mmCIF file of all heavy atoms, coordinates in Angstrom:
data_MODEL
# 
_entry.id   MODEL 
# 
loop_
_atom_site.group_PDB 
_atom_site.id 
_atom_site.type_symbol 
_atom_site.label_atom_id 
_atom_site.label_alt_id 
_atom_site.label_comp_id 
_atom_site.label_asym_id 
_atom_site.label_entity_id 
_atom_site.label_seq_id 
_atom_site.pdbx_PDB_ins_code 
_atom_site.Cartn_x 
_atom_site.Cartn_y 
_atom_site.Cartn_z 
_atom_site.occupancy 
_atom_site.B_iso_or_equiv 
_atom_site.pdbx_formal_charge 
_atom_site.auth_seq_id 
_atom_site.auth_comp_id 
_atom_site.auth_asym_id 
_atom_site.auth_atom_id 
_atom_site.pdbx_PDB_model_num 
ATOM 1   N N   . LEU A 1 1  ? 0.810  -1.227  0.000   1.00 0.00 ? 1  LEU A N   1 
ATOM 2   C CA  . LEU A 1 1  ? 0.000  0.000   0.000   1.00 0.00 ? 1  LEU A CA  1 
ATOM 3   C C   . LEU A 1 1  ? 0.840  1.272   0.000   1.00 0.00 ? 1  LEU A C   1 
ATOM 4   O O   . LEU A 1 1  ? 0.446  2.284   -0.567  1.00 0.00 ? 1  LEU A O   1 
ATOM 5   C CB  . LEU A 1 1  ? -0.930 0.021   1.218   1.00 0.00 ? 1  LEU A CB  1 
ATOM 6   C CG  . LEU A 1 1  ? -1.844 -1.192  1.407   1.00 0.00 ? 1  LEU A CG  1 
ATOM 7   C CD1 . LEU A 1 1  ? -2.650 -1.039  2.679   1.00 0.00 ? 1  LEU A CD1 1 
ATOM 8   C CD2 . LEU A 1 1  ? -2.769 -1.371  0.219   1.00 0.00 ? 1  LEU A CD2 1 
ATOM 9   N N   . GLY A 1 2  ? 1.988  1.225   0.677   1.00 0.00 ? 2  GLY A N   1 
ATOM 10  C CA  . GLY A 1 2  ? 2.798  2.427   0.858   1.00 0.00 ? 2  GLY A CA  1 
ATOM 11  C C   . GLY A 1 2  ? 2.898  2.767   2.335   1.00 0.00 ? 2  GLY A C   1 
ATOM 12  O O   . GLY A 1 2  ? 2.249  2.125   3.180   1.00 0.00 ? 2  GLY A O   1 
ATOM 13  N N   . THR A 1 3  ? 3.673  3.772   2.651   1.00 0.00 ? 3  THR A N   1 
ATOM 14  C CA  . THR A 1 3  ? 3.882  4.123   4.057   1.00 0.00 ? 3  THR A CA  1 
ATOM 15  C C   . THR A 1 3  ? 4.143  5.620   4.220   1.00 0.00 ? 3  THR A C   1 
ATOM 16  O O   . THR A 1 3  ? 4.540  6.288   3.261   1.00 0.00 ? 3  THR A O   1 
ATOM 17  C CB  . THR A 1 3  ? 5.073  3.301   4.625   1.00 0.00 ? 3  THR A CB  1 
ATOM 18  O OG1 . THR A 1 3  ? 5.175  3.515   6.007   1.00 0.00 ? 3  THR A OG1 1 
ATOM 19  C CG2 . THR A 1 3  ? 6.386  3.658   3.948   1.00 0.00 ? 3  THR A CG2 1 
ATOM 20  N N   . SER A 1 4  ? 3.899  6.118   5.422   1.00 0.00 ? 4  SER A N   1 
ATOM 21  C CA  . SER A 1 4  ? 4.168  7.534   5.718   1.00 0.00 ? 4  SER A CA  1 
ATOM 22  C C   . SER A 1 4  ? 5.610  7.688   6.167   1.00 0.00 ? 4  SER A C   1 
ATOM 23  O O   . SER A 1 4  ? 6.066  6.968   7.060   1.00 0.00 ? 4  SER A O   1 
ATOM 24  C CB  . SER A 1 4  ? 3.220  8.038   6.812   1.00 0.00 ? 4  SER A CB  1 
ATOM 25  O OG  . SER A 1 4  ? 1.899  8.054   6.346   1.00 0.00 ? 4  SER A OG  1 
ATOM 26  N N   . ILE A 1 5  ? 6.311  8.611   5.524   1.00 0.00 ? 5  ILE A N   1 
ATOM 27  C CA  . ILE A 1 5  ? 7.723  8.857   5.838   1.00 0.00 ? 5  ILE A CA  1 
ATOM 28  C C   . ILE A 1 5  ? 7.885  10.290  6.319   1.00 0.00 ? 5  ILE A C   1 
ATOM 29  O O   . ILE A 1 5  ? 7.305  11.222  5.754   1.00 0.00 ? 5  ILE A O   1 
ATOM 30  C CB  . ILE A 1 5  ? 8.607  8.593   4.588   1.00 0.00 ? 5  ILE A CB  1 
ATOM 31  C CG1 . ILE A 1 5  ? 8.566  7.106   4.212   1.00 0.00 ? 5  ILE A CG1 1 
ATOM 32  C CG2 . ILE A 1 5  ? 10.046 9.024   4.818   1.00 0.00 ? 5  ILE A CG2 1 
ATOM 33  C CD1 . ILE A 1 5  ? 9.179  6.766   2.887   1.00 0.00 ? 5  ILE A CD1 1 
ATOM 34  N N   . PHE A 1 6  ? 8.692  10.459  7.360   1.00 0.00 ? 6  PHE A N   1 
ATOM 35  C CA  . PHE A 1 6  ? 8.900  11.807  7.925   1.00 0.00 ? 6  PHE A CA  1 
ATOM 36  C C   . PHE A 1 6  ? 9.880  12.587  7.051   1.00 0.00 ? 6  PHE A C   1 
ATOM 37  O O   . PHE A 1 6  ? 11.000 12.143  6.786   1.00 0.00 ? 6  PHE A O   1 
ATOM 38  C CB  . PHE A 1 6  ? 9.439  11.692  9.357   1.00 0.00 ? 6  PHE A CB  1 
ATOM 39  C CG  . PHE A 1 6  ? 9.504  13.024  10.063  1.00 0.00 ? 6  PHE A CG  1 
ATOM 40  C CD1 . PHE A 1 6  ? 8.348  13.677  10.458  1.00 0.00 ? 6  PHE A CD1 1 
ATOM 41  C CD2 . PHE A 1 6  ? 10.735 13.635  10.316  1.00 0.00 ? 6  PHE A CD2 1 
ATOM 42  C CE1 . PHE A 1 6  ? 8.409  14.906  11.101  1.00 0.00 ? 6  PHE A CE1 1 
ATOM 43  C CE2 . PHE A 1 6  ? 10.801 14.860  10.956  1.00 0.00 ? 6  PHE A CE2 1 
ATOM 44  C CZ  . PHE A 1 6  ? 9.621  15.498  11.358  1.00 0.00 ? 6  PHE A CZ  1 
ATOM 45  N N   . ASN A 1 7  ? 9.431  13.744  6.582   1.00 0.00 ? 7  ASN A N   1 
ATOM 46  C CA  . ASN A 1 7  ? 10.273 14.611  5.751   1.00 0.00 ? 7  ASN A CA  1 
ATOM 47  C C   . ASN A 1 7  ? 10.951 15.637  6.653   1.00 0.00 ? 7  ASN A C   1 
ATOM 48  O O   . ASN A 1 7  ? 10.298 16.485  7.275   1.00 0.00 ? 7  ASN A O   1 
ATOM 49  C CB  . ASN A 1 7  ? 9.394  15.311  4.706   1.00 0.00 ? 7  ASN A CB  1 
ATOM 50  C CG  . ASN A 1 7  ? 10.214 16.079  3.685   1.00 0.00 ? 7  ASN A CG  1 
ATOM 51  O OD1 . ASN A 1 7  ? 11.264 16.637  3.994   1.00 0.00 ? 7  ASN A OD1 1 
ATOM 52  N ND2 . ASN A 1 7  ? 9.730  16.110  2.455   1.00 0.00 ? 7  ASN A ND2 1 
ATOM 53  N N   . LEU A 1 8  ? 12.286 15.568  6.732   1.00 0.00 ? 8  LEU A N   1 
ATOM 54  C CA  . LEU A 1 8  ? 13.046 16.463  7.618   1.00 0.00 ? 8  LEU A CA  1 
ATOM 55  C C   . LEU A 1 8  ? 12.963 17.925  7.179   1.00 0.00 ? 8  LEU A C   1 
ATOM 56  O O   . LEU A 1 8  ? 13.002 18.834  8.005   1.00 0.00 ? 8  LEU A O   1 
ATOM 57  C CB  . LEU A 1 8  ? 14.515 16.020  7.680   1.00 0.00 ? 8  LEU A CB  1 
ATOM 58  C CG  . LEU A 1 8  ? 14.777 14.704  8.446   1.00 0.00 ? 8  LEU A CG  1 
ATOM 59  C CD1 . LEU A 1 8  ? 16.181 14.212  8.195   1.00 0.00 ? 8  LEU A CD1 1 
ATOM 60  C CD2 . LEU A 1 8  ? 14.536 14.898  9.937   1.00 0.00 ? 8  LEU A CD2 1 
ATOM 61  N N   . LYS A 1 9  ? 12.834 18.147  5.872   1.00 0.00 ? 9  LYS A N   1 
ATOM 62  C CA  . LYS A 1 9  ? 12.783 19.527  5.354   1.00 0.00 ? 9  LYS A CA  1 
ATOM 63  C C   . LYS A 1 9  ? 11.503 20.245  5.780   1.00 0.00 ? 9  LYS A C   1 
ATOM 64  O O   . LYS A 1 9  ? 11.520 21.400  6.181   1.00 0.00 ? 9  LYS A O   1 
ATOM 65  C CB  . LYS A 1 9  ? 12.882 19.527  3.821   1.00 0.00 ? 9  LYS A CB  1 
ATOM 66  C CG  . LYS A 1 9  ? 14.287 19.234  3.318   1.00 0.00 ? 9  LYS A CG  1 
ATOM 67  C CD  . LYS A 1 9  ? 14.321 19.274  1.800   1.00 0.00 ? 9  LYS A CD  1 
ATOM 68  C CE  . LYS A 1 9  ? 15.724 18.904  1.298   1.00 0.00 ? 9  LYS A CE  1 
ATOM 69  N NZ  . LYS A 1 9  ? 15.749 18.819  -0.178  1.00 0.00 ? 9  LYS A NZ  1 
ATOM 70  N N   . THR A 1 10 ? 10.383 19.516  5.638   1.00 0.00 ? 10 THR A N   1 
ATOM 71  C CA  . THR A 1 10 ? 9.089  20.152  5.956   1.00 0.00 ? 10 THR A CA  1 
ATOM 72  C C   . THR A 1 10 ? 8.616  19.841  7.374   1.00 0.00 ? 10 THR A C   1 
ATOM 73  O O   . THR A 1 10 ? 7.634  20.407  7.851   1.00 0.00 ? 10 THR A O   1 
ATOM 74  C CB  . THR A 1 10 ? 8.007  19.675  4.970   1.00 0.00 ? 10 THR A CB  1 
ATOM 75  O OG1 . THR A 1 10 ? 7.884  18.241  5.076   1.00 0.00 ? 10 THR A OG1 1 
ATOM 76  C CG2 . THR A 1 10 ? 8.343  20.051  3.540   1.00 0.00 ? 10 THR A CG2 1 
ATOM 77  N N   . SER A 1 11 ? 9.320  18.928  8.056   1.00 0.00 ? 11 SER A N   1 
ATOM 78  C CA  . SER A 1 11 ? 8.936  18.471  9.411   1.00 0.00 ? 11 SER A CA  1 
ATOM 79  C C   . SER A 1 11 ? 7.509  17.906  9.430   1.00 0.00 ? 11 SER A C   1 
ATOM 80  O O   . SER A 1 11 ? 6.759  18.080  10.384  1.00 0.00 ? 11 SER A O   1 
ATOM 81  C CB  . SER A 1 11 ? 9.058  19.610  10.438  1.00 0.00 ? 11 SER A CB  1 
ATOM 82  O OG  . SER A 1 11 ? 10.379 20.037  10.508  1.00 0.00 ? 11 SER A OG  1 
ATOM 83  N N   . GLU A 1 12 ? 7.151  17.270  8.329   1.00 0.00 ? 12 GLU A N   1 
ATOM 84  C CA  . GLU A 1 12 ? 5.832  16.647  8.231   1.00 0.00 ? 12 GLU A CA  1 
ATOM 85  C C   . GLU A 1 12 ? 5.953  15.240  7.646   1.00 0.00 ? 12 GLU A C   1 
ATOM 86  O O   . GLU A 1 12 ? 6.931  14.923  6.968   1.00 0.00 ? 12 GLU A O   1 
ATOM 87  C CB  . GLU A 1 12 ? 4.904  17.485  7.329   1.00 0.00 ? 12 GLU A CB  1 
ATOM 88  C CG  . GLU A 1 12 ? 4.417  18.764  7.960   1.00 0.00 ? 12 GLU A CG  1 
ATOM 89  C CD  . GLU A 1 12 ? 3.513  19.553  7.010   1.00 0.00 ? 12 GLU A CD  1 
ATOM 90  O OE1 . GLU A 1 12 ? 3.419  19.164  5.828   1.00 0.00 ? 12 GLU A OE1 1 
ATOM 91  O OE2 . GLU A 1 12 ? 2.927  20.553  7.467   1.00 0.00 ? 12 GLU A OE2 1 
ATOM 92  N N   . PHE A 1 13 ? 4.929  14.439  7.926   1.00 0.00 ? 13 PHE A N   1 
ATOM 93  C CA  . PHE A 1 13 ? 4.900  13.097  7.344   1.00 0.00 ? 13 PHE A CA  1 
ATOM 94  C C   . PHE A 1 13 ? 4.351  13.159  5.923   1.00 0.00 ? 13 PHE A C   1 
ATOM 95  O O   . PHE A 1 13 ? 3.376  13.848  5.652   1.00 0.00 ? 13 PHE A O   1 
ATOM 96  C CB  . PHE A 1 13 ? 4.022  12.160  8.186   1.00 0.00 ? 13 PHE A CB  1 
ATOM 97  C CG  . PHE A 1 13 ? 4.730  11.616  9.401   1.00 0.00 ? 13 PHE A CG  1 
ATOM 98  C CD1 . PHE A 1 13 ? 4.571  12.223  10.653  1.00 0.00 ? 13 PHE A CD1 1 
ATOM 99  C CD2 . PHE A 1 13 ? 5.569  10.521  9.285   1.00 0.00 ? 13 PHE A CD2 1 
ATOM 100 C CE1 . PHE A 1 13 ? 5.231  11.734  11.763  1.00 0.00 ? 13 PHE A CE1 1 
ATOM 101 C CE2 . PHE A 1 13 ? 6.240  10.018  10.398  1.00 0.00 ? 13 PHE A CE2 1 
ATOM 102 C CZ  . PHE A 1 13 ? 6.070  10.624  11.642  1.00 0.00 ? 13 PHE A CZ  1 
ATOM 103 N N   . GLU A 1 14 ? 5.021  12.460  5.022   1.00 0.00 ? 14 GLU A N   1 
ATOM 104 C CA  . GLU A 1 14 ? 4.581  12.385  3.624   1.00 0.00 ? 14 GLU A CA  1 
ATOM 105 C C   . GLU A 1 14 ? 4.252  10.941  3.296   1.00 0.00 ? 14 GLU A C   1 
ATOM 106 O O   . GLU A 1 14 ? 4.960  10.031  3.713   1.00 0.00 ? 14 GLU A O   1 
ATOM 107 C CB  . GLU A 1 14 ? 5.703  12.855  2.685   1.00 0.00 ? 14 GLU A CB  1 
ATOM 108 C CG  . GLU A 1 14 ? 5.793  14.354  2.538   1.00 0.00 ? 14 GLU A CG  1 
ATOM 109 C CD  . GLU A 1 14 ? 6.921  14.746  1.592   1.00 0.00 ? 14 GLU A CD  1 
ATOM 110 O OE1 . GLU A 1 14 ? 7.431  13.858  0.864   1.00 0.00 ? 14 GLU A OE1 1 
ATOM 111 O OE2 . GLU A 1 14 ? 7.299  15.930  1.596   1.00 0.00 ? 14 GLU A OE2 1 
ATOM 112 N N   . PHE A 1 15 ? 3.185  10.770  2.529   1.00 0.00 ? 15 PHE A N   1 
ATOM 113 C CA  . PHE A 1 15 ? 2.799  9.405   2.151   1.00 0.00 ? 15 PHE A CA  1 
ATOM 114 C C   . PHE A 1 15 ? 3.525  8.993   0.880   1.00 0.00 ? 15 PHE A C   1 
ATOM 115 O O   . PHE A 1 15 ? 3.433  9.648   -0.147  1.00 0.00 ? 15 PHE A O   1 
ATOM 116 C CB  . PHE A 1 15 ? 1.287  9.308   1.947   1.00 0.00 ? 15 PHE A CB  1 
ATOM 117 C CG  . PHE A 1 15 ? 0.836  7.922   1.549   1.00 0.00 ? 15 PHE A CG  1 
ATOM 118 C CD1 . PHE A 1 15 ? 1.007  6.849   2.408   1.00 0.00 ? 15 PHE A CD1 1 
ATOM 119 C CD2 . PHE A 1 15 ? 0.259  7.680   0.303   1.00 0.00 ? 15 PHE A CD2 1 
ATOM 120 C CE1 . PHE A 1 15 ? 0.598  5.568   2.042   1.00 0.00 ? 15 PHE A CE1 1 
ATOM 121 C CE2 . PHE A 1 15 ? -0.149 6.409   -0.069  1.00 0.00 ? 15 PHE A CE2 1 
ATOM 122 C CZ  . PHE A 1 15 ? 0.026  5.354   0.809   1.00 0.00 ? 15 PHE A CZ  1 
ATOM 123 N N   . LYS A 1 16 ? 4.276  7.892   0.983   1.00 0.00 ? 16 LYS A N   1 
ATOM 124 C CA  . LYS A 1 16 ? 4.984  7.345   -0.188  1.00 0.00 ? 16 LYS A CA  1 
ATOM 125 C C   . LYS A 1 16 ? 4.167  6.171   -0.712  1.00 0.00 ? 16 LYS A C   1 
ATOM 126 O O   . LYS A 1 16 ? 3.975  5.177   -0.032  1.00 0.00 ? 16 LYS A O   1 
ATOM 127 C CB  . LYS A 1 16 ? 6.389  6.897   0.220   1.00 0.00 ? 16 LYS A CB  1 
ATOM 128 C CG  . LYS A 1 16 ? 7.243  6.452   -0.946  1.00 0.00 ? 16 LYS A CG  1 
ATOM 129 C CD  . LYS A 1 16 ? 8.674  6.242   -0.503  1.00 0.00 ? 16 LYS A CD  1 
ATOM 130 C CE  . LYS A 1 16 ? 9.529  5.530   -1.526  1.00 0.00 ? 16 LYS A CE  1 
ATOM 131 N NZ  . LYS A 1 16 ? 9.385  5.914   -2.903  1.00 0.00 ? 16 LYS A NZ  1 
ATOM 132 N N   . LYS A 1 17 ? 3.637  6.339   -1.920  1.00 0.00 ? 17 LYS A N   1 
ATOM 133 C CA  . LYS A 1 17 ? 2.736  5.323   -2.491  1.00 0.00 ? 17 LYS A CA  1 
ATOM 134 C C   . LYS A 1 17 ? 3.445  4.005   -2.780  1.00 0.00 ? 17 LYS A C   1 
ATOM 135 O O   . LYS A 1 17 ? 4.589  4.000   -3.241  1.00 0.00 ? 17 LYS A O   1 
ATOM 136 C CB  . LYS A 1 17 ? 2.103  5.860   -3.781  1.00 0.00 ? 17 LYS A CB  1 
ATOM 137 C CG  . LYS A 1 17 ? 1.116  7.002   -3.547  1.00 0.00 ? 17 LYS A CG  1 
ATOM 138 C CD  . LYS A 1 17 ? 0.561  7.523   -4.856  1.00 0.00 ? 17 LYS A CD  1 
ATOM 139 C CE  . LYS A 1 17 ? -0.471 8.619   -4.616  1.00 0.00 ? 17 LYS A CE  1 
ATOM 140 N NZ  . LYS A 1 17 ? -1.001 9.156   -5.876  1.00 0.00 ? 17 LYS A NZ  1 
ATOM 141 N N   . GLY A 1 18 ? 2.711  2.912   -2.545  1.00 0.00 ? 18 GLY A N   1 
ATOM 142 C CA  . GLY A 1 18 ? 3.229  1.574   -2.825  1.00 0.00 ? 18 GLY A CA  1 
ATOM 143 C C   . GLY A 1 18 ? 2.878  1.131   -4.237  1.00 0.00 ? 18 GLY A C   1 
ATOM 144 O O   . GLY A 1 18 ? 2.205  1.848   -4.981  1.00 0.00 ? 18 GLY A O   1 
ATOM 145 N N   . PRO A 1 19 ? 3.283  -0.080  -4.600  1.00 0.00 ? 19 PRO A N   1 
ATOM 146 C CA  . PRO A 1 19 ? 3.066  -0.572  -5.978  1.00 0.00 ? 19 PRO A CA  1 
ATOM 147 C C   . PRO A 1 19 ? 1.591  -0.787  -6.340  1.00 0.00 ? 19 PRO A C   1 
ATOM 148 O O   . PRO A 1 19 ? 1.271  -0.946  -7.511  1.00 0.00 ? 19 PRO A O   1 
ATOM 149 C CB  . PRO A 1 19 ? 3.842  -1.894  -6.021  1.00 0.00 ? 19 PRO A CB  1 
ATOM 150 C CG  . PRO A 1 19 ? 4.004  -2.300  -4.600  1.00 0.00 ? 19 PRO A CG  1 
ATOM 151 C CD  . PRO A 1 19 ? 4.059  -1.043  -3.795  1.00 0.00 ? 19 PRO A CD  1 
ATOM 152 N N   . ILE A 1 20 ? 0.701  -0.782  -5.345  1.00 0.00 ? 20 ILE A N   1 
ATOM 153 C CA  . ILE A 1 20 ? -0.732 -0.965  -5.645  1.00 0.00 ? 20 ILE A CA  1 
ATOM 154 C C   . ILE A 1 20 ? -1.281 0.238   -6.419  1.00 0.00 ? 20 ILE A C   1 
ATOM 155 O O   . ILE A 1 20 ? -2.308 0.127   -7.090  1.00 0.00 ? 20 ILE A O   1 
ATOM 156 C CB  . ILE A 1 20 ? -1.535 -1.202  -4.331  1.00 0.00 ? 20 ILE A CB  1 
ATOM 157 C CG1 . ILE A 1 20 ? -2.883 -1.886  -4.616  1.00 0.00 ? 20 ILE A CG1 1 
ATOM 158 C CG2 . ILE A 1 20 ? -1.765 0.087   -3.561  1.00 0.00 ? 20 ILE A CG2 1 
ATOM 159 C CD1 . ILE A 1 20 ? -2.824 -3.335  -4.903  1.00 0.00 ? 20 ILE A CD1 1 
ATOM 160 N N   . PHE A 1 21 ? -0.586 1.368   -6.344  1.00 0.00 ? 21 PHE A N   1 
ATOM 161 C CA  . PHE A 1 21 ? -1.040 2.572   -7.054  1.00 0.00 ? 21 PHE A CA  1 
ATOM 162 C C   . PHE A 1 21 ? -0.646 2.493   -8.524  1.00 0.00 ? 21 PHE A C   1 
ATOM 163 O O   . PHE A 1 21 ? 0.314  3.095   -8.973  1.00 0.00 ? 21 PHE A O   1 
ATOM 164 C CB  . PHE A 1 21 ? -0.447 3.837   -6.402  1.00 0.00 ? 21 PHE A CB  1 
ATOM 165 C CG  . PHE A 1 21 ? -1.139 4.234   -5.136  1.00 0.00 ? 21 PHE A CG  1 
ATOM 166 C CD1 . PHE A 1 21 ? -0.759 3.668   -3.927  1.00 0.00 ? 21 PHE A CD1 1 
ATOM 167 C CD2 . PHE A 1 21 ? -2.183 5.140   -5.144  1.00 0.00 ? 21 PHE A CD2 1 
ATOM 168 C CE1 . PHE A 1 21 ? -1.406 4.018   -2.748  1.00 0.00 ? 21 PHE A CE1 1 
ATOM 169 C CE2 . PHE A 1 21 ? -2.838 5.491   -3.973  1.00 0.00 ? 21 PHE A CE2 1 
ATOM 170 C CZ  . PHE A 1 21 ? -2.448 4.923   -2.768  1.00 0.00 ? 21 PHE A CZ  1 
ATOM 171 N N   . SER A 1 22 ? -1.403 1.685   -9.243  1.00 0.00 ? 22 SER A N   1 
ATOM 172 C CA  . SER A 1 22 ? -1.202 1.525   -10.679 1.00 0.00 ? 22 SER A CA  1 
ATOM 173 C C   . SER A 1 22 ? -2.535 1.117   -11.276 1.00 0.00 ? 22 SER A C   1 
ATOM 174 O O   . SER A 1 22 ? -3.541 1.061   -10.565 1.00 0.00 ? 22 SER A O   1 
ATOM 175 C CB  . SER A 1 22 ? -0.118 0.479   -10.945 1.00 0.00 ? 22 SER A CB  1 
ATOM 176 O OG  . SER A 1 22 ? 0.307  0.538   -12.285 1.00 0.00 ? 22 SER A OG  1 
ATOM 177 N N   . ASN A 1 23 ? -2.571 0.843   -12.572 1.00 0.00 ? 23 ASN A N   1 
ATOM 178 C CA  . ASN A 1 23 ? -3.838 0.455   -13.216 1.00 0.00 ? 23 ASN A CA  1 
ATOM 179 C C   . ASN A 1 23 ? -4.053 -1.049  -13.197 1.00 0.00 ? 23 ASN A C   1 
ATOM 180 O O   . ASN A 1 23 ? -5.136 -1.522  -12.901 1.00 0.00 ? 23 ASN A O   1 
ATOM 181 C CB  . ASN A 1 23 ? -3.884 0.953   -14.656 1.00 0.00 ? 23 ASN A CB  1 
ATOM 182 C CG  . ASN A 1 23 ? -3.819 2.459   -14.747 1.00 0.00 ? 23 ASN A CG  1 
ATOM 183 O OD1 . ASN A 1 23 ? -2.828 3.003   -15.228 1.00 0.00 ? 23 ASN A OD1 1 
ATOM 184 N ND2 . ASN A 1 23 ? -4.837 3.152   -14.268 1.00 0.00 ? 23 ASN A ND2 1 
ATOM 185 N N   . MET A 1 24 ? -3.007 -1.779  -13.560 1.00 0.00 ? 24 MET A N   1 
ATOM 186 C CA  . MET A 1 24 ? -3.115 -3.235  -13.577 1.00 0.00 ? 24 MET A CA  1 
ATOM 187 C C   . MET A 1 24 ? -2.068 -3.816  -12.637 1.00 0.00 ? 24 MET A C   1 
ATOM 188 O O   . MET A 1 24 ? -0.884 -3.540  -12.774 1.00 0.00 ? 24 MET A O   1 
ATOM 189 C CB  . MET A 1 24 ? -2.914 -3.762  -14.995 1.00 0.00 ? 24 MET A CB  1 
ATOM 190 C CG  . MET A 1 24 ? -3.225 -5.232  -15.085 1.00 0.00 ? 24 MET A CG  1 
ATOM 191 S SD  . MET A 1 24 ? -3.499 -5.773  -16.772 1.00 0.00 ? 24 MET A SD  1 
ATOM 192 C CE  . MET A 1 24 ? -5.144 -5.231  -17.059 1.00 0.00 ? 24 MET A CE  1 
ATOM 193 N N   . ILE A 1 25 ? -2.544 -4.598  -11.673 1.00 0.00 ? 25 ILE A N   1 
ATOM 194 C CA  . ILE A 1 25 ? -1.657 -5.160  -10.652 1.00 0.00 ? 25 ILE A CA  1 
ATOM 195 C C   . ILE A 1 25 ? -1.602 -6.666  -10.833 1.00 0.00 ? 25 ILE A C   1 
ATOM 196 O O   . ILE A 1 25 ? -2.642 -7.331  -10.796 1.00 0.00 ? 25 ILE A O   1 
ATOM 197 C CB  . ILE A 1 25 ? -2.171 -4.845  -9.224  1.00 0.00 ? 25 ILE A CB  1 
ATOM 198 C CG1 . ILE A 1 25 ? -2.665 -3.401  -9.105  1.00 0.00 ? 25 ILE A CG1 1 
ATOM 199 C CG2 . ILE A 1 25 ? -1.119 -5.186  -8.177  1.00 0.00 ? 25 ILE A CG2 1 
ATOM 200 C CD1 . ILE A 1 25 ? -1.658 -2.328  -9.292  1.00 0.00 ? 25 ILE A CD1 1 
ATOM 201 N N   . LEU A 1 26 ? -0.410 -7.196  -11.026 1.00 0.00 ? 26 LEU A N   1 
ATOM 202 C CA  . LEU A 1 26 ? -0.231 -8.643  -11.076 1.00 0.00 ? 26 LEU A CA  1 
ATOM 203 C C   . LEU A 1 26 ? 0.351  -9.091  -9.737  1.00 0.00 ? 26 LEU A C   1 
ATOM 204 O O   . LEU A 1 26 ? 1.450  -8.683  -9.359  1.00 0.00 ? 26 LEU A O   1 
ATOM 205 C CB  . LEU A 1 26 ? 0.707  -9.033  -12.231 1.00 0.00 ? 26 LEU A CB  1 
ATOM 206 C CG  . LEU A 1 26 ? 1.186  -10.480 -12.251 1.00 0.00 ? 26 LEU A CG  1 
ATOM 207 C CD1 . LEU A 1 26 ? 0.025  -11.460 -12.327 1.00 0.00 ? 26 LEU A CD1 1 
ATOM 208 C CD2 . LEU A 1 26 ? 2.152  -10.730 -13.384 1.00 0.00 ? 26 LEU A CD2 1 
ATOM 209 N N   . ILE A 1 27 ? -0.424 -9.885  -8.997  1.00 0.00 ? 27 ILE A N   1 
ATOM 210 C CA  . ILE A 1 27 ? 0.054  -10.430 -7.720  1.00 0.00 ? 27 ILE A CA  1 
ATOM 211 C C   . ILE A 1 27 ? 0.402  -11.887 -7.958  1.00 0.00 ? 27 ILE A C   1 
ATOM 212 O O   . ILE A 1 27 ? -0.469 -12.718 -8.219  1.00 0.00 ? 27 ILE A O   1 
ATOM 213 C CB  . ILE A 1 27 ? -1.014 -10.290 -6.611  1.00 0.00 ? 27 ILE A CB  1 
ATOM 214 C CG1 . ILE A 1 27 ? -1.274 -8.807  -6.327  1.00 0.00 ? 27 ILE A CG1 1 
ATOM 215 C CG2 . ILE A 1 27 ? -0.562 -11.009 -5.345  1.00 0.00 ? 27 ILE A CG2 1 
ATOM 216 C CD1 . ILE A 1 27 ? -2.394 -8.544  -5.365  1.00 0.00 ? 27 ILE A CD1 1 
ATOM 217 N N   . ASP A 1 28 ? 1.686  -12.171 -7.902  1.00 0.00 ? 28 ASP A N   1 
ATOM 218 C CA  . ASP A 1 28 ? 2.162  -13.528 -8.150  1.00 0.00 ? 28 ASP A CA  1 
ATOM 219 C C   . ASP A 1 28 ? 2.104  -14.335 -6.860  1.00 0.00 ? 28 ASP A C   1 
ATOM 220 O O   . ASP A 1 28 ? 2.639  -13.897 -5.832  1.00 0.00 ? 28 ASP A O   1 
ATOM 221 C CB  . ASP A 1 28 ? 3.599  -13.480 -8.686  1.00 0.00 ? 28 ASP A CB  1 
ATOM 222 C CG  . ASP A 1 28 ? 3.748  -14.299 -9.944  1.00 0.00 ? 28 ASP A CG  1 
ATOM 223 O OD1 . ASP A 1 28 ? 2.807  -15.038 -10.286 1.00 0.00 ? 28 ASP A OD1 1 
ATOM 224 O OD2 . ASP A 1 28 ? 4.805  -14.211 -10.597 1.00 0.00 ? 28 ASP A OD2 1 
ATOM 225 N N   . GLU A 1 29 ? 1.478  -15.500 -6.918  1.00 0.00 ? 29 GLU A N   1 
ATOM 226 C CA  . GLU A 1 29 ? 1.340  -16.416 -5.779  1.00 0.00 ? 29 GLU A CA  1 
ATOM 227 C C   . GLU A 1 29 ? 0.772  -15.699 -4.559  1.00 0.00 ? 29 GLU A C   1 
ATOM 228 O O   . GLU A 1 29 ? 1.428  -15.560 -3.527  1.00 0.00 ? 29 GLU A O   1 
ATOM 229 C CB  . GLU A 1 29 ? 2.690  -17.082 -5.484  1.00 0.00 ? 29 GLU A CB  1 
ATOM 230 C CG  . GLU A 1 29 ? 3.183  -17.929 -6.647  1.00 0.00 ? 29 GLU A CG  1 
ATOM 231 C CD  . GLU A 1 29 ? 4.225  -18.942 -6.247  1.00 0.00 ? 29 GLU A CD  1 
ATOM 232 O OE1 . GLU A 1 29 ? 3.826  -20.019 -5.771  1.00 0.00 ? 29 GLU A OE1 1 
ATOM 233 O OE2 . GLU A 1 29 ? 5.416  -18.661 -6.392  1.00 0.00 ? 29 GLU A OE2 1 
# 
């Protein structure tokens, strides 16, 4: 899904998107 990462420059948490953020997702096994 992704995770929130703390940005030292802005002193705020930023959401870094995971691989699910696409149009077609192939989940192997």
